[in-house]
Amino acid sequence: LMRKLTPAATAIIPLLKKGEGVLESDVDTLSPFANIISGMSEIDADFCLFSLLRCVNRKEQHGLGFSAIASKETYTMHHQDIKLIDMMKIAFEALRFNFKDFFLDLQSSFPENK
């Protein structure tokens, strides 16, 4: 995943520095993230998007526990009520939660920061 996203690090880092919680709908954050994903080949975009979505679980109705929102084996969603915009929001939050420190540390190694 990082091999696919690192070339876009200069675009991703400013997005990660913004406040938490774009799940409320932050177009200024989601638009650039969507552009990064859409600029990839279909295979790379699916790989990145579903790699981020696979680590997310959601609470089941009626107290039945939690389940993954995306398949770990294929590029499919387990919950059909999740729309594309919601997938992008969730994927970005997963990126922020899991990789924010990596990208911010990476920024310090850029030549203009030395």
C-alpha atoms as a PDB file:
ATOM      1  CA  LEU A   1       0.000   0.000   0.000  1.00  0.00           C
ATOM      2  CA  MET A   2       2.733   2.446   0.921  1.00  0.00           C
ATOM      3  CA  ARG A   3       4.581   1.771  -2.339  1.00  0.00           C
ATOM      4  CA  LYS A   4       1.469   2.875  -4.223  1.00  0.00           C
ATOM      5  CA  LEU A   5       0.699   5.926  -2.069  1.00  0.00           C
ATOM      6  CA  THR A   6       4.180   7.294  -1.350  1.00  0.00           C
ATOM      7  CA  PRO A   7       4.554   8.955  -4.794  1.00  0.00           C
ATOM      8  CA  ALA A   8       1.533  11.074  -3.813  1.00  0.00           C
ATOM      9  CA  ALA A   9       3.034  11.959  -0.427  1.00  0.00           C
ATOM     10  CA  THR A  10       3.370  15.667  -1.220  1.00  0.00           C
ATOM     11  CA  ALA A  11      -0.390  15.789  -1.846  1.00  0.00           C
ATOM     12  CA  ILE A  12      -1.325  13.477   1.042  1.00  0.00           C
ATOM     13  CA  ILE A  13       0.694  15.159   3.815  1.00  0.00           C
ATOM     14  CA  PRO A  14      -1.225  18.489   3.838  1.00  0.00           C
ATOM     15  CA  LEU A  15      -4.489  16.529   3.946  1.00  0.00           C
ATOM     16  CA  LEU A  16      -3.312  14.522   6.954  1.00  0.00           C
ATOM     17  CA  LYS A  17      -2.366  17.723   8.775  1.00  0.00           C
ATOM     18  CA  LYS A  18      -5.963  18.932   8.695  1.00  0.00           C
ATOM     19  CA  GLY A  19      -8.225  18.314  11.657  1.00  0.00           C
ATOM     20  CA  GLU A  20      -9.598  14.899  12.461  1.00  0.00           C
ATOM     21  CA  GLY A  21     -12.972  13.695  11.281  1.00  0.00           C
ATOM     22  CA  VAL A  22     -13.627  14.297   7.586  1.00  0.00           C
ATOM     23  CA  LEU A  23     -16.438  11.812   7.949  1.00  0.00           C
ATOM     24  CA  GLU A  24     -18.694  14.817   8.375  1.00  0.00           C
ATOM     25  CA  SER A  25     -17.950  15.767   4.742  1.00  0.00           C
ATOM     26  CA  ASP A  26     -14.900  17.902   4.111  1.00  0.00           C
ATOM     27  CA  VAL A  27     -14.795  18.481   0.354  1.00  0.00           C
ATOM     28  CA  ASP A  28     -11.436  20.285   0.617  1.00  0.00           C
ATOM     29  CA  THR A  29      -9.910  17.072   1.957  1.00  0.00           C
ATOM     30  CA  LEU A  30     -11.852  14.445   0.050  1.00  0.00           C
ATOM     31  CA  SER A  31     -11.465  16.038  -3.390  1.00  0.00           C
ATOM     32  CA  PRO A  32      -7.651  15.874  -3.424  1.00  0.00           C
ATOM     33  CA  PHE A  33      -7.736  12.362  -1.942  1.00  0.00           C
ATOM     34  CA  ALA A  34     -10.222  11.251  -4.606  1.00  0.00           C
ATOM     35  CA  ASN A  35      -7.996  12.830  -7.277  1.00  0.00           C
ATOM     36  CA  ILE A  36      -5.010  10.839  -6.001  1.00  0.00           C
ATOM     37  CA  ILE A  37      -6.989   7.598  -6.190  1.00  0.00           C
ATOM     38  CA  SER A  38      -8.541   8.431  -9.566  1.00  0.00           C
ATOM     39  CA  GLY A  39      -5.117   9.218 -11.039  1.00  0.00           C
ATOM     40  CA  MET A  40      -4.015   5.623 -10.463  1.00  0.00           C
ATOM     41  CA  SER A  41      -4.611   2.655 -12.706  1.00  0.00           C
ATOM     42  CA  GLU A  42      -7.795   0.759 -11.871  1.00  0.00           C
ATOM     43  CA  ILE A  43      -5.787  -2.087 -10.343  1.00  0.00           C
ATOM     44  CA  ASP A  44      -3.741   0.257  -8.128  1.00  0.00           C
ATOM     45  CA  ALA A  45      -6.809   2.293  -7.136  1.00  0.00           C
ATOM     46  CA  ASP A  46      -8.735  -0.825  -6.129  1.00  0.00           C
ATOM     47  CA  PHE A  47      -5.733  -2.139  -4.245  1.00  0.00           C
ATOM     48  CA  CYS A  48      -5.267   1.100  -2.286  1.00  0.00           C
ATOM     49  CA  LEU A  49      -8.941   1.733  -1.607  1.00  0.00           C
ATOM     50  CA  PHE A  50      -9.767  -1.796  -0.504  1.00  0.00           C
ATOM     51  CA  SER A  51      -6.555  -2.167   1.510  1.00  0.00           C
ATOM     52  CA  LEU A  52      -7.725   0.809   3.554  1.00  0.00           C
ATOM     53  CA  LEU A  53     -11.347  -0.368   3.762  1.00  0.00           C
ATOM     54  CA  ARG A  54     -10.436  -3.899   4.853  1.00  0.00           C
ATOM     55  CA  CYS A  55      -9.196  -2.690   8.214  1.00  0.00           C
ATOM     56  CA  VAL A  56     -12.560  -1.116   9.093  1.00  0.00           C
ATOM     57  CA  ASN A  57     -15.333  -2.899  10.988  1.00  0.00           C
ATOM     58  CA  ARG A  58     -18.812  -1.686  11.701  1.00  0.00           C
ATOM     59  CA  LYS A  59     -21.235  -2.599  14.436  1.00  0.00           C
ATOM     60  CA  GLU A  60     -23.959  -4.975  13.336  1.00  0.00           C
ATOM     61  CA  GLN A  61     -27.593  -4.345  14.098  1.00  0.00           C
ATOM     62  CA  HIS A  62     -29.267  -6.041  17.034  1.00  0.00           C
ATOM     63  CA  GLY A  63     -26.032  -6.371  19.029  1.00  0.00           C
ATOM     64  CA  LEU A  64     -24.529  -9.063  16.804  1.00  0.00           C
ATOM     65  CA  GLY A  65     -20.981  -7.726  17.167  1.00  0.00           C
ATOM     66  CA  PHE A  66     -18.807  -6.208  14.465  1.00  0.00           C
ATOM     67  CA  SER A  67     -18.058  -7.180  10.877  1.00  0.00           C
ATOM     68  CA  ALA A  68     -15.580  -6.030   8.247  1.00  0.00           C
ATOM     69  CA  ILE A  69     -17.039  -3.630   5.693  1.00  0.00           C
ATOM     70  CA  ALA A  70     -14.920  -4.997   2.825  1.00  0.00           C
ATOM     71  CA  SER A  71     -13.838  -8.472   1.813  1.00  0.00           C
ATOM     72  CA  LYS A  72     -10.313  -9.478   2.734  1.00  0.00           C
ATOM     73  CA  GLU A  73     -10.063 -11.747  -0.333  1.00  0.00           C
ATOM     74  CA  THR A  74     -11.744  -9.735  -3.098  1.00  0.00           C
ATOM     75  CA  TYR A  75     -12.414  -6.114  -3.962  1.00  0.00           C
ATOM     76  CA  THR A  76     -16.016  -6.165  -2.768  1.00  0.00           C
ATOM     77  CA  MET A  77     -18.028  -4.491  -0.049  1.00  0.00           C
ATOM     78  CA  HIS A  78     -19.936  -6.526   2.522  1.00  0.00           C
ATOM     79  CA  HIS A  79     -22.460  -3.758   3.139  1.00  0.00           C
ATOM     80  CA  GLN A  80     -24.325  -2.545   0.073  1.00  0.00           C
ATOM     81  CA  ASP A  81     -25.619   0.578   1.817  1.00  0.00           C
ATOM     82  CA  ILE A  82     -22.146   2.182   1.800  1.00  0.00           C
ATOM     83  CA  LYS A  83     -22.022   4.641  -1.111  1.00  0.00           C
ATOM     84  CA  LEU A  84     -18.886   5.628  -3.024  1.00  0.00           C
ATOM     85  CA  ILE A  85     -18.540   8.960  -1.206  1.00  0.00           C
ATOM     86  CA  ASP A  86     -18.777   7.099   2.106  1.00  0.00           C
ATOM     87  CA  MET A  87     -16.134   4.636   0.915  1.00  0.00           C
ATOM     88  CA  MET A  88     -13.799   7.560   0.168  1.00  0.00           C
ATOM     89  CA  LYS A  89     -14.450   9.132   3.576  1.00  0.00           C
ATOM     90  CA  ILE A  90     -13.857   5.854   5.394  1.00  0.00           C
ATOM     91  CA  ALA A  91     -10.738   5.073   3.350  1.00  0.00           C
ATOM     92  CA  PHE A  92      -9.281   8.505   4.073  1.00  0.00           C
ATOM     93  CA  GLU A  93      -9.970   8.167   7.799  1.00  0.00           C
ATOM     94  CA  ALA A  94      -8.319   4.716   7.742  1.00  0.00           C
ATOM     95  CA  LEU A  95      -5.305   6.274   6.002  1.00  0.00           C
ATOM     96  CA  ARG A  96      -5.155   9.047   8.577  1.00  0.00           C
ATOM     97  CA  PHE A  97      -5.542   6.664  11.522  1.00  0.00           C
ATOM     98  CA  ASN A  98      -3.039   4.051  10.334  1.00  0.00           C
ATOM     99  CA  PHE A  99      -0.435   5.979   8.344  1.00  0.00           C
ATOM    100  CA  LYS A 100      -0.406   9.620   9.482  1.00  0.00           C
ATOM    101  CA  ASP A 101       2.840   9.203  11.426  1.00  0.00           C
ATOM    102  CA  PHE A 102       4.527   7.463   8.488  1.00  0.00           C
ATOM    103  CA  PHE A 103       3.742  10.297   6.087  1.00  0.00           C
ATOM    104  CA  LEU A 104       4.659  13.038   8.554  1.00  0.00           C
ATOM    105  CA  ASP A 105       7.993  11.318   9.265  1.00  0.00           C
ATOM    106  CA  LEU A 106       8.509  10.905   5.522  1.00  0.00           C
ATOM    107  CA  GLN A 107       8.018  14.642   5.027  1.00  0.00           C
ATOM    108  CA  SER A 108      11.033  15.385   7.225  1.00  0.00           C
ATOM    109  CA  SER A 109      13.209  13.438   4.767  1.00  0.00           C
ATOM    110  CA  PHE A 110      12.200  15.595   1.760  1.00  0.00           C
ATOM    111  CA  PRO A 111      15.171  17.630   0.427  1.00  0.00           C
ATOM    112  CA  GLU A 112      13.396  20.965   0.994  1.00  0.00           C
ATOM    113  CA  ASN A 113      13.067  20.113   4.708  1.00  0.00           C
ATOM    114  CA  LYS A 114      16.791  19.559   5.259  1.00  0.00           C
END
